[in-house]
Amino acid sequence: GGSLRLSCAASGFTISSYSMSWYRRAPG
């Protein structure tokens, strides 16, 4: 029931030209 906010900070390139995604993987 709780909440979290994840952040993804990019460096070495500019994200404006990129689609950005979040993926996840759980065991199995």
PDB file of all heavy atoms in Angstrom:
ATOM      1  N   GLY A   1       0.786  -1.221   0.000  1.00  0.00           N
ATOM      2  CA  GLY A   1       0.000   0.000   0.000  1.00  0.00           C
ATOM      3  C   GLY A   1       0.818   1.270   0.000  1.00  0.00           C
ATOM      4  O   GLY A   1       0.258   2.357  -0.196  1.00  0.00           O
ATOM      5  N   GLY A   2       2.112   1.147   0.189  1.00  0.00           N
ATOM      6  CA  GLY A   2       2.980   2.305   0.234  1.00  0.00           C
ATOM      7  C   GLY A   2       3.364   2.804  -1.144  1.00  0.00           C
ATOM      8  O   GLY A   2       2.955   2.266  -2.171  1.00  0.00           O
ATOM      9  N   SER A   3       4.191   3.845  -1.149  1.00  0.00           N
ATOM     10  CA  SER A   3       4.609   4.498  -2.385  1.00  0.00           C
ATOM     11  C   SER A   3       6.112   4.706  -2.404  1.00  0.00           C
ATOM     12  O   SER A   3       6.757   4.846  -1.353  1.00  0.00           O
ATOM     13  CB  SER A   3       3.921   5.860  -2.543  1.00  0.00           C
ATOM     14  OG  SER A   3       2.520   5.735  -2.625  1.00  0.00           O
ATOM     15  N   LEU A   4       6.660   4.728  -3.597  1.00  0.00           N
ATOM     16  CA  LEU A   4       8.050   5.066  -3.832  1.00  0.00           C
ATOM     17  C   LEU A   4       8.146   5.862  -5.119  1.00  0.00           C
ATOM     18  O   LEU A   4       7.308   5.713  -6.006  1.00  0.00           O
ATOM     19  CB  LEU A   4       8.929   3.819  -3.968  1.00  0.00           C
ATOM     20  CG  LEU A   4       9.263   3.004  -2.726  1.00  0.00           C
ATOM     21  CD1 LEU A   4       9.995   1.729  -3.143  1.00  0.00           C
ATOM     22  CD2 LEU A   4      10.111   3.808  -1.756  1.00  0.00           C
ATOM     23  N   ARG A   5       9.175   6.674  -5.223  1.00  0.00           N
ATOM     24  CA  ARG A   5       9.494   7.347  -6.472  1.00  0.00           C
ATOM     25  C   ARG A   5      10.913   7.001  -6.868  1.00  0.00           C
ATOM     26  O   ARG A   5      11.858   7.307  -6.131  1.00  0.00           O
ATOM     27  CB  ARG A   5       9.339   8.863  -6.383  1.00  0.00           C
ATOM     28  CG  ARG A   5       9.472   9.529  -7.766  1.00  0.00           C
ATOM     29  CD  ARG A   5       9.368  11.040  -7.734  1.00  0.00           C
ATOM     30  NE  ARG A   5      10.578  11.671  -7.231  1.00  0.00           N
ATOM     31  CZ  ARG A   5      10.921  12.934  -7.464  1.00  0.00           C
ATOM     32  NH1 ARG A   5      10.130  13.711  -8.198  1.00  0.00           N
ATOM     33  NH2 ARG A   5      12.031  13.426  -6.948  1.00  0.00           N
ATOM     34  N   LEU A   6      11.048   6.366  -8.018  1.00  0.00           N
ATOM     35  CA  LEU A   6      12.349   6.052  -8.565  1.00  0.00           C
ATOM     36  C   LEU A   6      12.819   7.172  -9.482  1.00  0.00           C
ATOM     37  O   LEU A   6      12.021   7.790 -10.184  1.00  0.00           O
ATOM     38  CB  LEU A   6      12.307   4.742  -9.354  1.00  0.00           C
ATOM     39  CG  LEU A   6      11.763   3.504  -8.631  1.00  0.00           C
ATOM     40  CD1 LEU A   6      11.871   2.284  -9.537  1.00  0.00           C
ATOM     41  CD2 LEU A   6      12.499   3.269  -7.320  1.00  0.00           C
ATOM     42  N   SER A   7      14.115   7.412  -9.468  1.00  0.00           N
ATOM     43  CA  SER A   7      14.725   8.391 -10.355  1.00  0.00           C
ATOM     44  C   SER A   7      15.797   7.720 -11.190  1.00  0.00           C
ATOM     45  O   SER A   7      16.461   6.792 -10.736  1.00  0.00           O
ATOM     46  CB  SER A   7      15.344   9.543  -9.558  1.00  0.00           C
ATOM     47  OG  SER A   7      14.367  10.246  -8.824  1.00  0.00           O
ATOM     48  N   CYS A   8      15.968   8.201 -12.398  1.00  0.00           N
ATOM     49  CA  CYS A   8      17.008   7.720 -13.301  1.00  0.00           C
ATOM     50  C   CYS A   8      17.722   8.935 -13.854  1.00  0.00           C
ATOM     51  O   CYS A   8      17.155   9.681 -14.668  1.00  0.00           O
ATOM     52  CB  CYS A   8      16.401   6.876 -14.420  1.00  0.00           C
ATOM     53  SG  CYS A   8      17.573   6.380 -15.703  1.00  0.00           S
ATOM     54  N   ALA A   9      18.945   9.139 -13.404  1.00  0.00           N
ATOM     55  CA  ALA A   9      19.739  10.278 -13.831  1.00  0.00           C
ATOM     56  C   ALA A   9      20.709   9.851 -14.922  1.00  0.00           C
ATOM     57  O   ALA A   9      21.494   8.921 -14.736  1.00  0.00           O
ATOM     58  CB  ALA A   9      20.501  10.865 -12.649  1.00  0.00           C
ATOM     59  N   ALA A  10      20.648  10.529 -16.051  1.00  0.00           N
ATOM     60  CA  ALA A  10      21.506  10.220 -17.186  1.00  0.00           C
ATOM     61  C   ALA A  10      22.694  11.163 -17.224  1.00  0.00           C
ATOM     62  O   ALA A  10      22.591  12.344 -16.880  1.00  0.00           O
ATOM     63  CB  ALA A  10      20.731  10.316 -18.493  1.00  0.00           C
ATOM     64  N   SER A  11      23.825  10.638 -17.659  1.00  0.00           N
ATOM     65  CA  SER A  11      25.013  11.451 -17.870  1.00  0.00           C
ATOM     66  C   SER A  11      25.768  10.912 -19.073  1.00  0.00           C
ATOM     67  O   SER A  11      25.650   9.745 -19.426  1.00  0.00           O
ATOM     68  CB  SER A  11      25.912  11.470 -16.627  1.00  0.00           C
ATOM     69  OG  SER A  11      26.336  10.159 -16.281  1.00  0.00           O
ATOM     70  N   GLY A  12      26.534  11.774 -19.702  1.00  0.00           N
ATOM     71  CA  GLY A  12      27.286  11.391 -20.880  1.00  0.00           C
ATOM     72  C   GLY A  12      26.502  11.472 -22.170  1.00  0.00           C
ATOM     73  O   GLY A  12      27.080  11.289 -23.256  1.00  0.00           O
ATOM     74  N   PHE A  13      25.218  11.710 -22.087  1.00  0.00           N
ATOM     75  CA  PHE A  13      24.367  11.914 -23.255  1.00  0.00           C
ATOM     76  C   PHE A  13      23.130  12.667 -22.820  1.00  0.00           C
ATOM     77  O   PHE A  13      22.860  12.794 -21.623  1.00  0.00           O
ATOM     78  CB  PHE A  13      24.001  10.585 -23.937  1.00  0.00           C
ATOM     79  CG  PHE A  13      22.992   9.764 -23.188  1.00  0.00           C
ATOM     80  CD1 PHE A  13      21.683   9.663 -23.648  1.00  0.00           C
ATOM     81  CD2 PHE A  13      23.343   9.085 -22.040  1.00  0.00           C
ATOM     82  CE1 PHE A  13      20.750   8.893 -22.968  1.00  0.00           C
ATOM     83  CE2 PHE A  13      22.419   8.320 -21.345  1.00  0.00           C
ATOM     84  CZ  PHE A  13      21.121   8.221 -21.808  1.00  0.00           C
ATOM     85  N   THR A  14      22.385  13.146 -23.785  1.00  0.00           N
ATOM     86  CA  THR A  14      21.184  13.926 -23.532  1.00  0.00           C
ATOM     87  C   THR A  14      19.967  13.079 -23.871  1.00  0.00           C
ATOM     88  O   THR A  14      19.839  12.586 -24.987  1.00  0.00           O
ATOM     89  CB  THR A  14      21.186  15.216 -24.368  1.00  0.00           C
ATOM     90  OG1 THR A  14      22.334  15.994 -24.029  1.00  0.00           O
ATOM     91  CG2 THR A  14      19.933  16.033 -24.101  1.00  0.00           C
ATOM     92  N   ILE A  15      19.061  12.934 -22.907  1.00  0.00           N
ATOM     93  CA  ILE A  15      17.956  12.000 -23.085  1.00  0.00           C
ATOM     94  C   ILE A  15      16.857  12.537 -23.997  1.00  0.00           C
ATOM     95  O   ILE A  15      15.937  11.791 -24.338  1.00  0.00           O
ATOM     96  CB  ILE A  15      17.335  11.588 -21.741  1.00  0.00           C
ATOM     97  CG1 ILE A  15      16.588  12.768 -21.095  1.00  0.00           C
ATOM     98  CG2 ILE A  15      18.387  11.020 -20.799  1.00  0.00           C
ATOM     99  CD1 ILE A  15      15.712  12.359 -19.930  1.00  0.00           C
ATOM    100  N   SER A  16      16.938  13.781 -24.393  1.00  0.00           N
ATOM    101  CA  SER A  16      15.851  14.380 -25.168  1.00  0.00           C
ATOM    102  C   SER A  16      15.573  13.659 -26.478  1.00  0.00           C
ATOM    103  O   SER A  16      14.455  13.729 -26.994  1.00  0.00           O
ATOM    104  CB  SER A  16      16.143  15.858 -25.441  1.00  0.00           C
ATOM    105  OG  SER A  16      17.347  16.013 -26.173  1.00  0.00           O
ATOM    106  N   SER A  17      16.567  12.960 -27.024  1.00  0.00           N
ATOM    107  CA  SER A  17      16.397  12.238 -28.273  1.00  0.00           C
ATOM    108  C   SER A  17      15.986  10.780 -28.067  1.00  0.00           C
ATOM    109  O   SER A  17      15.874  10.036 -29.042  1.00  0.00           O
ATOM    110  CB  SER A  17      17.683  12.280 -29.091  1.00  0.00           C
ATOM    111  OG  SER A  17      18.035  13.612 -29.422  1.00  0.00           O
ATOM    112  N   TYR A  18      15.763  10.367 -26.825  1.00  0.00           N
ATOM    113  CA  TYR A  18      15.530   8.972 -26.490  1.00  0.00           C
ATOM    114  C   TYR A  18      14.158   8.759 -25.877  1.00  0.00           C
ATOM    115  O   TYR A  18      13.688   9.573 -25.075  1.00  0.00           O
ATOM    116  CB  TYR A  18      16.572   8.475 -25.483  1.00  0.00           C
ATOM    117  CG  TYR A  18      17.978   8.408 -26.015  1.00  0.00           C
ATOM    118  CD1 TYR A  18      18.739   9.562 -26.176  1.00  0.00           C
ATOM    119  CD2 TYR A  18      18.545   7.187 -26.350  1.00  0.00           C
ATOM    120  CE1 TYR A  18      20.030   9.502 -26.673  1.00  0.00           C
ATOM    121  CE2 TYR A  18      19.839   7.115 -26.836  1.00  0.00           C
ATOM    122  CZ  TYR A  18      20.577   8.274 -26.994  1.00  0.00           C
ATOM    123  OH  TYR A  18      21.860   8.199 -27.475  1.00  0.00           O
ATOM    124  N   SER A  19      13.525   7.658 -26.257  1.00  0.00           N
ATOM    125  CA  SER A  19      12.427   7.179 -25.447  1.00  0.00           C
ATOM    126  C   SER A  19      13.018   6.575 -24.180  1.00  0.00           C
ATOM    127  O   SER A  19      14.084   5.965 -24.203  1.00  0.00           O
ATOM    128  CB  SER A  19      11.573   6.158 -26.196  1.00  0.00           C
ATOM    129  OG  SER A  19      12.315   4.989 -26.476  1.00  0.00           O
ATOM    130  N   MET A  20      12.324   6.759 -23.066  1.00  0.00           N
ATOM    131  CA  MET A  20      12.807   6.291 -21.774  1.00  0.00           C
ATOM    132  C   MET A  20      11.811   5.299 -21.193  1.00  0.00           C
ATOM    133  O   MET A  20      10.597   5.517 -21.256  1.00  0.00           O
ATOM    134  CB  MET A  20      13.004   7.465 -20.815  1.00  0.00           C
ATOM    135  CG  MET A  20      13.979   8.521 -21.307  1.00  0.00           C
ATOM    136  SD  MET A  20      15.683   7.894 -21.480  1.00  0.00           S
ATOM    137  CE  MET A  20      16.090   7.520 -19.777  1.00  0.00           C
ATOM    138  N   SER A  21      12.341   4.231 -20.615  1.00  0.00           N
ATOM    139  CA  SER A  21      11.490   3.167 -20.100  1.00  0.00           C
ATOM    140  C   SER A  21      11.985   2.687 -18.749  1.00  0.00           C
ATOM    141  O   SER A  21      13.165   2.824 -18.411  1.00  0.00           O
ATOM    142  CB  SER A  21      11.459   1.973 -21.060  1.00  0.00           C
ATOM    143  OG  SER A  21      10.967   2.334 -22.331  1.00  0.00           O
ATOM    144  N   TRP A  22      11.064   2.114 -18.000  1.00  0.00           N
ATOM    145  CA  TRP A  22      11.372   1.353 -16.804  1.00  0.00           C
ATOM    146  C   TRP A  22      10.985  -0.104 -17.047  1.00  0.00           C
ATOM    147  O   TRP A  22       9.863  -0.388 -17.479  1.00  0.00           O
ATOM    148  CB  TRP A  22      10.626   1.881 -15.577  1.00  0.00           C
ATOM    149  CG  TRP A  22      11.126   3.194 -15.083  1.00  0.00           C
ATOM    150  CD1 TRP A  22      10.643   4.425 -15.397  1.00  0.00           C
ATOM    151  CD2 TRP A  22      12.211   3.393 -14.181  1.00  0.00           C
ATOM    152  NE1 TRP A  22      11.355   5.398 -14.739  1.00  0.00           N
ATOM    153  CE2 TRP A  22      12.326   4.794 -13.986  1.00  0.00           C
ATOM    154  CE3 TRP A  22      13.094   2.552 -13.507  1.00  0.00           C
ATOM    155  CZ2 TRP A  22      13.295   5.356 -13.146  1.00  0.00           C
ATOM    156  CZ3 TRP A  22      14.048   3.113 -12.683  1.00  0.00           C
ATOM    157  CH2 TRP A  22      14.149   4.492 -12.504  1.00  0.00           C
ATOM    158  N   TYR A  23      11.916  -0.993 -16.795  1.00  0.00           N
ATOM    159  CA  TYR A  23      11.695  -2.424 -16.829  1.00  0.00           C
ATOM    160  C   TYR A  23      11.893  -2.992 -15.431  1.00  0.00           C
ATOM    161  O   TYR A  23      12.523  -2.368 -14.580  1.00  0.00           O
ATOM    162  CB  TYR A  23      12.672  -3.124 -17.778  1.00  0.00           C
ATOM    163  CG  TYR A  23      12.431  -2.883 -19.252  1.00  0.00           C
ATOM    164  CD1 TYR A  23      12.847  -1.714 -19.865  1.00  0.00           C
ATOM    165  CD2 TYR A  23      11.808  -3.855 -20.033  1.00  0.00           C
ATOM    166  CE1 TYR A  23      12.649  -1.495 -21.215  1.00  0.00           C
ATOM    167  CE2 TYR A  23      11.611  -3.653 -21.391  1.00  0.00           C
ATOM    168  CZ  TYR A  23      12.030  -2.481 -21.979  1.00  0.00           C
ATOM    169  OH  TYR A  23      11.838  -2.281 -23.327  1.00  0.00           O
ATOM    170  N   ARG A  24      11.385  -4.190 -15.208  1.00  0.00           N
ATOM    171  CA  ARG A  24      11.651  -4.862 -13.954  1.00  0.00           C
ATOM    172  C   ARG A  24      11.802  -6.360 -14.183  1.00  0.00           C
ATOM    173  O   ARG A  24      11.267  -6.912 -15.137  1.00  0.00           O
ATOM    174  CB  ARG A  24      10.556  -4.605 -12.918  1.00  0.00           C
ATOM    175  CG  ARG A  24       9.199  -5.204 -13.253  1.00  0.00           C
ATOM    176  CD  ARG A  24       8.164  -4.761 -12.226  1.00  0.00           C
ATOM    177  NE  ARG A  24       6.856  -5.344 -12.484  1.00  0.00           N
ATOM    178  CZ  ARG A  24       5.752  -5.025 -11.829  1.00  0.00           C
ATOM    179  NH1 ARG A  24       5.798  -4.115 -10.850  1.00  0.00           N
ATOM    180  NH2 ARG A  24       4.601  -5.611 -12.134  1.00  0.00           N
ATOM    181  N   ARG A  25      12.561  -6.994 -13.299  1.00  0.00           N
ATOM    182  CA  ARG A  25      12.744  -8.432 -13.356  1.00  0.00           C
ATOM    183  C   ARG A  25      12.678  -9.001 -11.945  1.00  0.00           C
ATOM    184  O   ARG A  25      13.390  -8.543 -11.052  1.00  0.00           O
ATOM    185  CB  ARG A  25      14.079  -8.805 -13.991  1.00  0.00           C
ATOM    186  CG  ARG A  25      14.240 -10.318 -14.187  1.00  0.00           C
ATOM    187  CD  ARG A  25      15.645 -10.691 -14.624  1.00  0.00           C
ATOM    188  NE  ARG A  25      15.976 -10.196 -15.954  1.00  0.00           N
ATOM    189  CZ  ARG A  25      15.711 -10.824 -17.087  1.00  0.00           C
ATOM    190  NH1 ARG A  25      15.070 -12.001 -17.066  1.00  0.00           N
ATOM    191  NH2 ARG A  25      16.061 -10.307 -18.242  1.00  0.00           N
ATOM    192  N   ALA A  26      11.809  -9.972 -11.764  1.00  0.00           N
ATOM    193  CA  ALA A  26      11.694 -10.702 -10.514  1.00  0.00           C
ATOM    194  C   ALA A  26      12.181 -12.126 -10.741  1.00  0.00           C
ATOM    195  O   ALA A  26      12.119 -12.638 -11.864  1.00  0.00           O
ATOM    196  CB  ALA A  26      10.251 -10.711 -10.021  1.00  0.00           C
ATOM    197  N   PRO A  27      12.672 -12.792  -9.690  1.00  0.00           N
ATOM    198  CA  PRO A  27      13.122 -14.177  -9.843  1.00  0.00           C
ATOM    199  C   PRO A  27      12.036 -15.067 -10.430  1.00  0.00           C
ATOM    200  O   PRO A  27      10.880 -15.018 -10.010  1.00  0.00           O
ATOM    201  CB  PRO A  27      13.470 -14.602  -8.412  1.00  0.00           C
ATOM    202  CG  PRO A  27      13.806 -13.320  -7.719  1.00  0.00           C
ATOM    203  CD  PRO A  27      12.879 -12.300  -8.317  1.00  0.00           C
ATOM    204  N   GLY A  28      12.416 -15.865 -11.427  1.00  0.00           N
ATOM    205  CA  GLY A  28      11.476 -16.766 -12.051  1.00  0.00           C
ATOM    206  C   GLY A  28      10.555 -16.134 -13.070  1.00  0.00           C
ATOM    207  O   GLY A  28       9.659 -16.819 -13.579  1.00  0.00           O
TER     208      GLY A  28
END
